[in-house]
């Protein structure tokens, strides 16, 4: 399994996506993340464990609290994976345009 696969699998769960989304704008504790969610703090901790294994979040201790934040490495892995599709698409588009140009030039020569 590639790193991008690991990241995508981690984000495949809607609860994990919500946990991740809550961390997008600030660093939060498990209790703050779980606030208002339909899952318990221990469940949020388990989701954070999966996100951390996929390098989507990092944690640090502050006193007795553990704070979580987004880890940009996970986002970069998915972005690079998606960029691969874009590169392939642009390459295919370039080949199609070049082929059309060749065909147009052939038609122009025939008509002269």
PDB file of N, CA and C in Angstrom:
ATOM      1  N   UNK A   1       0.841  -1.173   0.000  1.00  0.00           N
ATOM      2  CA  UNK A   1       0.000   0.000   0.000  1.00  0.00           C
ATOM      3  C   UNK A   1       0.891   1.244   0.000  1.00  0.00           C
ATOM      4  N   UNK A   2       0.559   2.177  -0.877  1.00  0.00           N
ATOM      5  CA  UNK A   2       1.342   3.412  -0.934  1.00  0.00           C
ATOM      6  C   UNK A   2       0.917   4.351   0.189  1.00  0.00           C
ATOM      7  N   UNK A   3       1.738   5.355   0.397  1.00  0.00           N
ATOM      8  CA  UNK A   3       1.441   6.350   1.419  1.00  0.00           C
ATOM      9  C   UNK A   3       0.130   7.068   1.090  1.00  0.00           C
ATOM     10  N   UNK A   4      -0.068   7.399  -0.196  1.00  0.00           N
ATOM     11  CA  UNK A   4      -1.311   8.059  -0.605  1.00  0.00           C
ATOM     12  C   UNK A   4      -2.507   7.164  -0.316  1.00  0.00           C
ATOM     13  N   UNK A   5      -2.372   5.847  -0.555  1.00  0.00           N
ATOM     14  CA  UNK A   5      -3.452   4.903  -0.238  1.00  0.00           C
ATOM     15  C   UNK A   5      -3.784   4.935   1.248  1.00  0.00           C
ATOM     16  N   UNK A   6      -2.761   4.977   2.060  1.00  0.00           N
ATOM     17  CA  UNK A   6      -2.938   5.007   3.511  1.00  0.00           C
ATOM     18  C   UNK A   6      -3.698   6.277   3.931  1.00  0.00           C
ATOM     19  N   UNK A   7      -3.343   7.394   3.338  1.00  0.00           N
ATOM     20  CA  UNK A   7      -4.010   8.662   3.643  1.00  0.00           C
ATOM     21  C   UNK A   7      -5.463   8.614   3.184  1.00  0.00           C
ATOM     22  N   UNK A   8      -5.679   8.150   1.961  1.00  0.00           N
ATOM     23  CA  UNK A   8      -7.044   8.080   1.438  1.00  0.00           C
ATOM     24  C   UNK A   8      -7.906   7.111   2.247  1.00  0.00           C
ATOM     25  N   UNK A   9      -7.325   6.003   2.656  1.00  0.00           N
ATOM     26  CA  UNK A   9      -8.070   5.054   3.494  1.00  0.00           C
ATOM     27  C   UNK A   9      -8.442   5.691   4.829  1.00  0.00           C
ATOM     28  N   UNK A  10      -7.524   6.423   5.404  1.00  0.00           N
ATOM     29  CA  UNK A  10      -7.801   7.078   6.689  1.00  0.00           C
ATOM     30  C   UNK A  10      -8.933   8.090   6.541  1.00  0.00           C
ATOM     31  N   UNK A  11      -8.981   8.772   5.427  1.00  0.00           N
ATOM     32  CA  UNK A  11     -10.015   9.780   5.206  1.00  0.00           C
ATOM     33  C   UNK A  11     -11.304   9.183   4.637  1.00  0.00           C
ATOM     34  N   UNK A  12     -11.303   7.867   4.422  1.00  0.00           N
ATOM     35  CA  UNK A  12     -12.486   7.204   3.886  1.00  0.00           C
ATOM     36  C   UNK A  12     -13.631   7.113   4.874  1.00  0.00           C
ATOM     37  N   UNK A  13     -13.348   7.286   6.141  1.00  0.00           N
ATOM     38  CA  UNK A  13     -14.372   7.214   7.172  1.00  0.00           C
ATOM     39  C   UNK A  13     -14.935   8.616   7.424  1.00  0.00           C
ATOM     40  N   UNK A  14     -16.275   8.775   7.394  1.00  0.00           N
ATOM     41  CA  UNK A  14     -16.852  10.112   7.575  1.00  0.00           C
ATOM     42  C   UNK A  14     -16.533  10.745   8.937  1.00  0.00           C
ATOM     43  N   UNK A  15     -16.446   9.944   9.975  1.00  0.00           N
ATOM     44  CA  UNK A  15     -16.120  10.498  11.302  1.00  0.00           C
ATOM     45  C   UNK A  15     -14.689  11.006  11.320  1.00  0.00           C
ATOM     46  N   UNK A  16     -13.775  10.258  10.705  1.00  0.00           N
ATOM     47  CA  UNK A  16     -12.382  10.714  10.647  1.00  0.00           C
ATOM     48  C   UNK A  16     -12.267  11.989   9.824  1.00  0.00           C
ATOM     49  N   UNK A  17     -13.038  12.075   8.743  1.00  0.00           N
ATOM     50  CA  UNK A  17     -13.005  13.306   7.949  1.00  0.00           C
ATOM     51  C   UNK A  17     -13.485  14.490   8.779  1.00  0.00           C
ATOM     52  N   UNK A  18     -14.512  14.275   9.592  1.00  0.00           N
ATOM     53  CA  UNK A  18     -15.005  15.349  10.454  1.00  0.00           C
ATOM     54  C   UNK A  18     -13.957  15.748  11.493  1.00  0.00           C
ATOM     55  N   UNK A  19     -13.323  14.752  12.101  1.00  0.00           N
ATOM     56  CA  UNK A  19     -12.249  15.037  13.070  1.00  0.00           C
ATOM     57  C   UNK A  19     -11.151  15.838  12.383  1.00  0.00           C
ATOM     58  N   UNK A  20     -10.742  15.400  11.210  1.00  0.00           N
ATOM     59  CA  UNK A  20      -9.688  16.076  10.463  1.00  0.00           C
ATOM     60  C   UNK A  20     -10.112  17.495  10.099  1.00  0.00           C
ATOM     61  N   UNK A  21     -11.343  17.650   9.673  1.00  0.00           N
ATOM     62  CA  UNK A  21     -11.862  18.968   9.293  1.00  0.00           C
ATOM     63  C   UNK A  21     -11.848  19.930  10.484  1.00  0.00           C
ATOM     64  N   UNK A  22     -12.167  19.421  11.678  1.00  0.00           N
ATOM     65  CA  UNK A  22     -12.167  20.273  12.862  1.00  0.00           C
ATOM     66  C   UNK A  22     -10.757  20.770  13.196  1.00  0.00           C
ATOM     67  N   UNK A  23      -9.761  20.028  12.784  1.00  0.00           N
ATOM     68  CA  UNK A  23      -8.375  20.427  13.060  1.00  0.00           C
ATOM     69  C   UNK A  23      -7.812  21.369  11.997  1.00  0.00           C
ATOM     70  N   UNK A  24      -8.553  21.556  10.945  1.00  0.00           N
ATOM     71  CA  UNK A  24      -8.058  22.363   9.827  1.00  0.00           C
ATOM     72  C   UNK A  24      -7.678  23.779  10.248  1.00  0.00           C
ATOM     73  N   UNK A  25      -8.446  24.362  11.148  1.00  0.00           N
ATOM     74  CA  UNK A  25      -8.195  25.767  11.472  1.00  0.00           C
ATOM     75  C   UNK A  25      -7.509  26.000  12.815  1.00  0.00           C
ATOM     76  N   UNK A  26      -7.405  24.944  13.659  1.00  0.00           N
ATOM     77  CA  UNK A  26      -6.752  25.173  14.948  1.00  0.00           C
ATOM     78  C   UNK A  26      -6.288  23.867  15.582  1.00  0.00           C
ATOM     79  N   UNK A  27      -5.463  24.001  16.573  1.00  0.00           N
ATOM     80  CA  UNK A  27      -4.973  22.880  17.369  1.00  0.00           C
ATOM     81  C   UNK A  27      -5.976  22.637  18.490  1.00  0.00           C
ATOM     82  N   UNK A  28      -6.398  21.380  18.658  1.00  0.00           N
ATOM     83  CA  UNK A  28      -7.446  21.056  19.626  1.00  0.00           C
ATOM     84  C   UNK A  28      -7.101  19.829  20.449  1.00  0.00           C
ATOM     85  N   UNK A  29      -7.713  19.736  21.615  1.00  0.00           N
ATOM     86  CA  UNK A  29      -7.604  18.535  22.445  1.00  0.00           C
ATOM     87  C   UNK A  29      -8.685  17.540  22.006  1.00  0.00           C
ATOM     88  N   UNK A  30      -8.583  16.315  22.486  1.00  0.00           N
ATOM     89  CA  UNK A  30      -9.579  15.291  22.154  1.00  0.00           C
ATOM     90  C   UNK A  30     -10.970  15.753  22.587  1.00  0.00           C
ATOM     91  N   UNK A  31     -11.057  16.316  23.788  1.00  0.00           N
ATOM     92  CA  UNK A  31     -12.347  16.795  24.283  1.00  0.00           C
ATOM     93  C   UNK A  31     -12.944  17.879  23.403  1.00  0.00           C
ATOM     94  N   UNK A  32     -12.101  18.792  22.940  1.00  0.00           N
ATOM     95  CA  UNK A  32     -12.569  19.865  22.064  1.00  0.00           C
ATOM     96  C   UNK A  32     -13.011  19.316  20.711  1.00  0.00           C
ATOM     97  N   UNK A  33     -12.306  18.332  20.211  1.00  0.00           N
ATOM     98  CA  UNK A  33     -12.679  17.714  18.934  1.00  0.00           C
ATOM     99  C   UNK A  33     -14.008  16.985  19.083  1.00  0.00           C
ATOM    100  N   UNK A  34     -14.163  16.249  20.189  1.00  0.00           N
ATOM    101  CA  UNK A  34     -15.359  15.427  20.408  1.00  0.00           C
ATOM    102  C   UNK A  34     -16.602  16.248  20.723  1.00  0.00           C
ATOM    103  N   UNK A  35     -16.410  17.494  21.142  1.00  0.00           N
ATOM    104  CA  UNK A  35     -17.535  18.342  21.539  1.00  0.00           C
ATOM    105  C   UNK A  35     -18.562  18.463  20.411  1.00  0.00           C
ATOM    106  N   UNK A  36     -19.803  18.080  20.726  1.00  0.00           N
ATOM    107  CA  UNK A  36     -20.883  18.175  19.749  1.00  0.00           C
ATOM    108  C   UNK A  36     -20.954  17.031  18.757  1.00  0.00           C
ATOM    109  N   UNK A  37     -20.037  16.090  18.846  1.00  0.00           N
ATOM    110  CA  UNK A  37     -20.060  14.940  17.937  1.00  0.00           C
ATOM    111  C   UNK A  37     -20.886  13.814  18.548  1.00  0.00           C
ATOM    112  N   UNK A  38     -21.346  12.917  17.716  1.00  0.00           N
ATOM    113  CA  UNK A  38     -22.132  11.774  18.166  1.00  0.00           C
ATOM    114  C   UNK A  38     -21.275  10.581  18.558  1.00  0.00           C
ATOM    115  N   UNK A  39     -20.007  10.819  18.832  1.00  0.00           N
ATOM    116  CA  UNK A  39     -19.107   9.741  19.253  1.00  0.00           C
ATOM    117  C   UNK A  39     -18.418  10.146  20.551  1.00  0.00           C
ATOM    118  N   UNK A  40     -17.966   9.158  21.285  1.00  0.00           N
ATOM    119  CA  UNK A  40     -17.320   9.405  22.576  1.00  0.00           C
ATOM    120  C   UNK A  40     -15.883   9.890  22.391  1.00  0.00           C
ATOM    121  N   UNK A  41     -15.316  10.397  23.472  1.00  0.00           N
ATOM    122  CA  UNK A  41     -13.903  10.799  23.441  1.00  0.00           C
ATOM    123  C   UNK A  41     -12.995   9.626  23.109  1.00  0.00           C
ATOM    124  N   UNK A  42     -13.219   8.430  23.719  1.00  0.00           N
ATOM    125  CA  UNK A  42     -12.365   7.297  23.348  1.00  0.00           C
ATOM    126  C   UNK A  42     -12.454   6.957  21.854  1.00  0.00           C
ATOM    127  N   UNK A  43     -13.651   7.103  21.283  1.00  0.00           N
ATOM    128  CA  UNK A  43     -13.796   6.842  19.843  1.00  0.00           C
ATOM    129  C   UNK A  43     -13.018   7.875  19.039  1.00  0.00           C
ATOM    130  N   UNK A  44     -13.096   9.137  19.454  1.00  0.00           N
ATOM    131  CA  UNK A  44     -12.331  10.192  18.772  1.00  0.00           C
ATOM    132  C   UNK A  44     -10.837   9.896  18.887  1.00  0.00           C
ATOM    133  N   UNK A  45     -10.406   9.426  20.046  1.00  0.00           N
ATOM    134  CA  UNK A  45      -8.996   9.066  20.228  1.00  0.00           C
ATOM    135  C   UNK A  45      -8.578   7.970  19.252  1.00  0.00           C
ATOM    136  N   UNK A  46      -9.451   6.994  19.032  1.00  0.00           N
ATOM    137  CA  UNK A  46      -9.138   5.923  18.080  1.00  0.00           C
ATOM    138  C   UNK A  46      -9.050   6.466  16.653  1.00  0.00           C
ATOM    139  N   UNK A  47      -9.938   7.369  16.311  1.00  0.00           N
ATOM    140  CA  UNK A  47      -9.882   7.979  14.976  1.00  0.00           C
ATOM    141  C   UNK A  47      -8.604   8.808  14.821  1.00  0.00           C
ATOM    142  N   UNK A  48      -8.229   9.513  15.870  1.00  0.00           N
ATOM    143  CA  UNK A  48      -6.988  10.281  15.832  1.00  0.00           C
ATOM    144  C   UNK A  48      -5.779   9.373  15.670  1.00  0.00           C
ATOM    145  N   UNK A  49      -5.836   8.198  16.270  1.00  0.00           N
ATOM    146  CA  UNK A  49      -4.735   7.231  16.145  1.00  0.00           C
ATOM    147  C   UNK A  49      -4.556   6.821  14.684  1.00  0.00           C
ATOM    148  N   UNK A  50      -5.666   6.582  13.987  1.00  0.00           N
ATOM    149  CA  UNK A  50      -5.606   6.208  12.562  1.00  0.00           C
ATOM    150  C   UNK A  50      -5.080   7.386  11.734  1.00  0.00           C
ATOM    151  N   UNK A  51      -5.585   8.576  12.021  1.00  0.00           N
ATOM    152  CA  UNK A  51      -5.127   9.765  11.292  1.00  0.00           C
ATOM    153  C   UNK A  51      -3.645  10.030  11.538  1.00  0.00           C
ATOM    154  N   UNK A  52      -3.201   9.780  12.754  1.00  0.00           N
ATOM    155  CA  UNK A  52      -1.789   9.978  13.085  1.00  0.00           C
ATOM    156  C   UNK A  52      -0.920   8.947  12.365  1.00  0.00           C
ATOM    157  N   UNK A  53      -1.379   7.706  12.291  1.00  0.00           N
ATOM    158  CA  UNK A  53      -0.626   6.660  11.580  1.00  0.00           C
ATOM    159  C   UNK A  53      -0.496   6.991  10.098  1.00  0.00           C
ATOM    160  N   UNK A  54      -1.495   7.674   9.555  1.00  0.00           N
ATOM    161  CA  UNK A  54      -1.458   8.093   8.149  1.00  0.00           C
ATOM    162  C   UNK A  54      -0.729   9.420   7.971  1.00  0.00           C
ATOM    163  N   UNK A  55      -0.176   9.947   9.057  1.00  0.00           N
ATOM    164  CA  UNK A  55       0.542  11.219   9.070  1.00  0.00           C
ATOM    165  C   UNK A  55      -0.328  12.394   8.614  1.00  0.00           C
ATOM    166  N   UNK A  56      -1.593  12.327   8.999  1.00  0.00           N
ATOM    167  CA  UNK A  56      -2.498  13.438   8.727  1.00  0.00           C
ATOM    168  C   UNK A  56      -2.590  14.389   9.909  1.00  0.00           C
ATOM    169  N   UNK A  57      -2.264  13.887  11.105  1.00  0.00           N
ATOM    170  CA  UNK A  57      -2.257  14.740  12.293  1.00  0.00           C
ATOM    171  C   UNK A  57      -0.991  14.487  13.101  1.00  0.00           C
ATOM    172  N   UNK A  58      -0.616  15.495  13.855  1.00  0.00           N
ATOM    173  CA  UNK A  58       0.487  15.385  14.804  1.00  0.00           C
ATOM    174  C   UNK A  58      -0.063  15.741  16.175  1.00  0.00           C
ATOM    175  N   UNK A  59       0.616  15.280  17.201  1.00  0.00           N
ATOM    176  CA  UNK A  59       0.177  15.616  18.556  1.00  0.00           C
ATOM    177  C   UNK A  59       1.363  16.109  19.369  1.00  0.00           C
ATOM    178  N   UNK A  60       1.030  16.893  20.382  1.00  0.00           N
ATOM    179  CA  UNK A  60       2.043  17.356  21.324  1.00  0.00           C
ATOM    180  C   UNK A  60       1.386  17.473  22.686  1.00  0.00           C
ATOM    181  N   UNK A  61       2.188  17.300  23.696  1.00  0.00           N
ATOM    182  CA  UNK A  61       1.685  17.419  25.068  1.00  0.00           C
ATOM    183  C   UNK A  61       1.815  18.845  25.545  1.00  0.00           C
ATOM    184  N   UNK A  62       0.789  19.284  26.255  1.00  0.00           N
ATOM    185  CA  UNK A  62       0.807  20.595  26.889  1.00  0.00           C
ATOM    186  C   UNK A  62       0.207  20.399  28.276  1.00  0.00           C
ATOM    187  N   UNK A  63       1.069  20.254  29.249  1.00  0.00           N
ATOM    188  CA  UNK A  63       0.598  19.930  30.598  1.00  0.00           C
ATOM    189  C   UNK A  63       0.021  18.525  30.607  1.00  0.00           C
ATOM    190  N   UNK A  64      -1.216  18.409  31.044  1.00  0.00           N
ATOM    191  CA  UNK A  64      -1.868  17.089  31.080  1.00  0.00           C
ATOM    192  C   UNK A  64      -2.690  16.822  29.831  1.00  0.00           C
ATOM    193  N   UNK A  65      -2.717  17.776  28.932  1.00  0.00           N
ATOM    194  CA  UNK A  65      -3.518  17.622  27.702  1.00  0.00           C
ATOM    195  C   UNK A  65      -2.638  17.229  26.523  1.00  0.00           C
ATOM    196  N   UNK A  66      -3.227  16.505  25.617  1.00  0.00           N
ATOM    197  CA  UNK A  66      -2.578  16.197  24.348  1.00  0.00           C
ATOM    198  C   UNK A  66      -3.322  16.980  23.292  1.00  0.00           C
ATOM    199  N   UNK A  67      -2.578  17.797  22.536  1.00  0.00           N
ATOM    200  CA  UNK A  67      -3.171  18.639  21.510  1.00  0.00           C
ATOM    201  C   UNK A  67      -2.854  18.097  20.126  1.00  0.00           C
ATOM    202  N   UNK A  68      -3.829  18.182  19.241  1.00  0.00           N
ATOM    203  CA  UNK A  68      -3.692  17.639  17.885  1.00  0.00           C
ATOM    204  C   UNK A  68      -3.805  18.759  16.859  1.00  0.00           C
ATOM    205  N   UNK A  69      -3.050  18.602  15.777  1.00  0.00           N
ATOM    206  CA  UNK A  69      -3.058  19.572  14.677  1.00  0.00           C
ATOM    207  C   UNK A  69      -2.866  18.815  13.363  1.00  0.00           C
ATOM    208  N   UNK A  70      -3.207  19.460  12.272  1.00  0.00           N
ATOM    209  CA  UNK A  70      -3.027  18.876  10.942  1.00  0.00           C
ATOM    210  C   UNK A  70      -1.540  18.760  10.643  1.00  0.00           C
ATOM    211  N   UNK A  71      -1.157  17.629  10.066  1.00  0.00           N
ATOM    212  CA  UNK A  71       0.214  17.403   9.609  1.00  0.00           C
ATOM    213  C   UNK A  71       0.213  17.564   8.091  1.00  0.00           C
ATOM    214  N   UNK A  72       0.873  18.572   7.559  1.00  0.00           N
ATOM    215  CA  UNK A  72       0.831  18.824   6.113  1.00  0.00           C
ATOM    216  C   UNK A  72       1.418  17.703   5.254  1.00  0.00           C
ATOM    217  N   UNK A  73       2.192  16.796   5.849  1.00  0.00           N
ATOM    218  CA  UNK A  73       2.783  15.705   5.039  1.00  0.00           C
ATOM    219  C   UNK A  73       1.710  14.827   4.416  1.00  0.00           C
ATOM    220  N   UNK A  74       0.641  14.556   5.144  1.00  0.00           N
ATOM    221  CA  UNK A  74      -0.434  13.720   4.606  1.00  0.00           C
ATOM    222  C   UNK A  74      -1.151  14.380   3.451  1.00  0.00           C
ATOM    223  N   UNK A  75      -1.403  15.659   3.614  1.00  0.00           N
ATOM    224  CA  UNK A  75      -2.053  16.421   2.541  1.00  0.00           C
ATOM    225  C   UNK A  75      -1.164  16.447   1.307  1.00  0.00           C
ATOM    226  N   UNK A  76       0.122  16.620   1.505  1.00  0.00           N
ATOM    227  CA  UNK A  76       1.060  16.654   0.384  1.00  0.00           C
ATOM    228  C   UNK A  76       1.083  15.322  -0.359  1.00  0.00           C
ATOM    229  N   UNK A  77       0.972  14.219   0.362  1.00  0.00           N
ATOM    230  CA  UNK A  77       0.961  12.899  -0.276  1.00  0.00           C
ATOM    231  C   UNK A  77      -0.236  12.758  -1.205  1.00  0.00           C
ATOM    232  N   UNK A  78      -1.405  13.179  -0.747  1.00  0.00           N
ATOM    233  CA  UNK A  78      -2.607  13.094  -1.587  1.00  0.00           C
ATOM    234  C   UNK A  78      -2.502  14.065  -2.758  1.00  0.00           C
ATOM    235  N   UNK A  79      -1.990  15.239  -2.480  1.00  0.00           N
ATOM    236  CA  UNK A  79      -1.836  16.229  -3.546  1.00  0.00           C
ATOM    237  C   UNK A  79      -0.900  15.715  -4.638  1.00  0.00           C
ATOM    238  N   UNK A  80       0.192  15.117  -4.243  1.00  0.00           N
ATOM    239  CA  UNK A  80       1.137  14.561  -5.222  1.00  0.00           C
ATOM    240  C   UNK A  80       0.479  13.447  -6.028  1.00  0.00           C
ATOM    241  N   UNK A  81      -0.297  12.622  -5.350  1.00  0.00           N
ATOM    242  CA  UNK A  81      -0.993  11.520  -6.022  1.00  0.00           C
ATOM    243  C   UNK A  81      -1.979  12.078  -7.050  1.00  0.00           C
ATOM    244  N   UNK A  82      -2.736  13.089  -6.670  1.00  0.00           N
ATOM    245  CA  UNK A  82      -3.689  13.706  -7.591  1.00  0.00           C
ATOM    246  C   UNK A  82      -2.972  14.431  -8.722  1.00  0.00           C
ATOM    247  N   UNK A  83      -1.838  15.052  -8.425  1.00  0.00           N
ATOM    248  CA  UNK A  83      -1.059  15.725  -9.467  1.00  0.00           C
ATOM    249  C   UNK A  83      -0.631  14.742 -10.550  1.00  0.00           C
ATOM    250  N   UNK A  84      -0.405  13.489 -10.170  1.00  0.00           N
ATOM    251  CA  UNK A  84      -0.052  12.470 -11.153  1.00  0.00           C
ATOM    252  C   UNK A  84      -1.141  12.301 -12.195  1.00  0.00           C
ATOM    253  N   UNK A  85      -2.408  12.370 -11.769  1.00  0.00           N
ATOM    254  CA  UNK A  85      -3.516  12.285 -12.713  1.00  0.00           C
ATOM    255  C   UNK A  85      -3.527  13.507 -13.626  1.00  0.00           C
ATOM    256  N   UNK A  86      -3.276  14.666 -13.043  1.00  0.00           N
ATOM    257  CA  UNK A  86      -3.258  15.898 -13.820  1.00  0.00           C
ATOM    258  C   UNK A  86      -2.144  15.844 -14.857  1.00  0.00           C
ATOM    259  N   UNK A  87      -0.969  15.377 -14.463  1.00  0.00           N
ATOM    260  CA  UNK A  87       0.155  15.263 -15.390  1.00  0.00           C
ATOM    261  C   UNK A  87      -0.186  14.335 -16.550  1.00  0.00           C
ATOM    262  N   UNK A  88      -0.819  13.200 -16.233  1.00  0.00           N
ATOM    263  CA  UNK A  88      -1.211  12.252 -17.283  1.00  0.00           C
ATOM    264  C   UNK A  88      -2.247  12.874 -18.214  1.00  0.00           C
ATOM    265  N   UNK A  89      -3.189  13.614 -17.655  1.00  0.00           N
ATOM    266  CA  UNK A  89      -4.229  14.256 -18.452  1.00  0.00           C
ATOM    267  C   UNK A  89      -3.621  15.297 -19.375  1.00  0.00           C
ATOM    268  N   UNK A  90      -2.719  16.125 -18.848  1.00  0.00           N
ATOM    269  CA  UNK A  90      -2.077  17.142 -19.681  1.00  0.00           C
ATOM    270  C   UNK A  90      -1.232  16.509 -20.783  1.00  0.00           C
ATOM    271  N   UNK A  91      -0.553  15.430 -20.466  1.00  0.00           N
ATOM    272  CA  UNK A  91       0.251  14.739 -21.467  1.00  0.00           C
ATOM    273  C   UNK A  91      -0.636  14.188 -22.578  1.00  0.00           C
ATOM    274  N   UNK A  92      -1.754  13.593 -22.197  1.00  0.00           N
ATOM    275  CA  UNK A  92      -2.703  13.081 -23.190  1.00  0.00           C
ATOM    276  C   UNK A  92      -3.280  14.197 -24.037  1.00  0.00           C
ATOM    277  N   UNK A  93      -3.594  15.320 -23.415  1.00  0.00           N
ATOM    278  CA  UNK A  93      -4.121  16.473 -24.152  1.00  0.00           C
ATOM    279  C   UNK A  93      -3.077  16.987 -25.141  1.00  0.00           C
ATOM    280  N   UNK A  94      -1.823  17.068 -24.699  1.00  0.00           N
ATOM    281  CA  UNK A  94      -0.745  17.535 -25.571  1.00  0.00           C
ATOM    282  C   UNK A  94      -0.616  16.624 -26.787  1.00  0.00           C
ATOM    283  N   UNK A  95      -0.654  15.323 -26.574  1.00  0.00           N
ATOM    284  CA  UNK A  95      -0.548  14.377 -27.684  1.00  0.00           C
ATOM    285  C   UNK A  95      -1.717  14.529 -28.653  1.00  0.00           C
ATOM    286  N   UNK A  96      -2.924  14.723 -28.124  1.00  0.00           N
ATOM    287  CA  UNK A  96      -4.096  14.880 -28.978  1.00  0.00           C
ATOM    288  C   UNK A  96      -3.993  16.145 -29.826  1.00  0.00           C
ATOM    289  N   UNK A  97      -3.541  17.239 -29.223  1.00  0.00           N
ATOM    290  CA  UNK A  97      -3.387  18.501 -29.958  1.00  0.00           C
ATOM    291  C   UNK A  97      -2.317  18.353 -31.036  1.00  0.00           C
ATOM    292  N   UNK A  98      -1.198  17.742 -30.675  1.00  0.00           N
ATOM    293  CA  UNK A  98      -0.132  17.543 -31.657  1.00  0.00           C
ATOM    294  C   UNK A  98      -0.609  16.682 -32.818  1.00  0.00           C
ATOM    295  N   UNK A  99      -1.401  15.680 -32.543  1.00  0.00           N
ATOM    296  CA  UNK A  99      -1.941  14.810 -33.597  1.00  0.00           C
ATOM    297  C   UNK A  99      -2.880  15.606 -34.506  1.00  0.00           C
ATOM    298  N   UNK A 100      -3.712  16.458 -33.931  1.00  0.00           N
ATOM    299  CA  UNK A 100      -4.611  17.282 -34.737  1.00  0.00           C
ATOM    300  C   UNK A 100      -3.835  18.262 -35.608  1.00  0.00           C
ATOM    301  N   UNK A 101      -2.766  18.822 -35.072  1.00  0.00           N
ATOM    302  CA  UNK A 101      -1.939  19.748 -35.852  1.00  0.00           C
ATOM    303  C   UNK A 101      -1.329  19.016 -37.045  1.00  0.00           C
ATOM    304  N   UNK A 102      -0.820  17.804 -36.819  1.00  0.00           N
ATOM    305  CA  UNK A 102      -0.243  17.017 -37.914  1.00  0.00           C
ATOM    306  C   UNK A 102      -1.283  16.728 -38.986  1.00  0.00           C
ATOM    307  N   UNK A 103      -2.474  16.353 -38.562  1.00  0.00           N
ATOM    308  CA  UNK A 103      -3.537  16.042 -39.522  1.00  0.00           C
ATOM    309  C   UNK A 103      -3.956  17.289 -40.298  1.00  0.00           C
ATOM    310  N   UNK A 104      -4.020  18.432 -39.632  1.00  0.00           N
ATOM    311  CA  UNK A 104      -4.366  19.689 -40.309  1.00  0.00           C
ATOM    312  C   UNK A 104      -3.320  20.048 -41.349  1.00  0.00           C
ATOM    313  N   UNK A 105      -2.052  19.875 -41.008  1.00  0.00           N
ATOM    314  CA  UNK A 105      -0.976  20.190 -41.942  1.00  0.00           C
ATOM    315  C   UNK A 105      -1.021  19.268 -43.160  1.00  0.00           C
ATOM    316  N   UNK A 106      -1.345  17.995 -42.925  1.00  0.00           N
ATOM    317  CA  UNK A 106      -1.459  17.051 -44.045  1.00  0.00           C
ATOM    318  C   UNK A 106      -2.586  17.474 -44.978  1.00  0.00           C
ATOM    319  N   UNK A 107      -3.730  17.873 -44.409  1.00  0.00           N
ATOM    320  CA  UNK A 107      -4.875  18.313 -45.225  1.00  0.00           C
ATOM    321  C   UNK A 107      -4.518  19.577 -46.002  1.00  0.00           C
ATOM    322  N   UNK A 108      -3.776  20.494 -45.357  1.00  0.00           N
ATOM    323  CA  UNK A 108      -3.380  21.722 -46.031  1.00  0.00           C
ATOM    324  C   UNK A 108      -2.466  21.433 -47.224  1.00  0.00           C
ATOM    325  N   UNK A 109      -1.543  20.506 -47.056  1.00  0.00           N
ATOM    326  CA  UNK A 109      -0.616  20.150 -48.145  1.00  0.00           C
ATOM    327  C   UNK A 109      -1.353  19.504 -49.305  1.00  0.00           C
ATOM    328  N   UNK A 110      -2.339  18.671 -48.987  1.00  0.00           N
ATOM    329  CA  UNK A 110      -3.117  18.001 -50.020  1.00  0.00           C
ATOM    330  C   UNK A 110      -3.954  19.000 -50.808  1.00  0.00           C
ATOM    331  N   UNK A 111      -4.422  20.035 -50.134  1.00  0.00           N
ATOM    332  CA  UNK A 111      -5.284  20.992 -50.819  1.00  0.00           C
ATOM    333  C   UNK A 111      -4.503  21.988 -51.664  1.00  0.00           C
ATOM    334  N   UNK A 112      -3.181  22.039 -51.489  1.00  0.00           N
ATOM    335  CA  UNK A 112      -2.365  22.973 -52.271  1.00  0.00           C
ATOM    336  C   UNK A 112      -2.082  22.452 -53.600  1.00  0.00           C
TER     337      UNK A 112
END
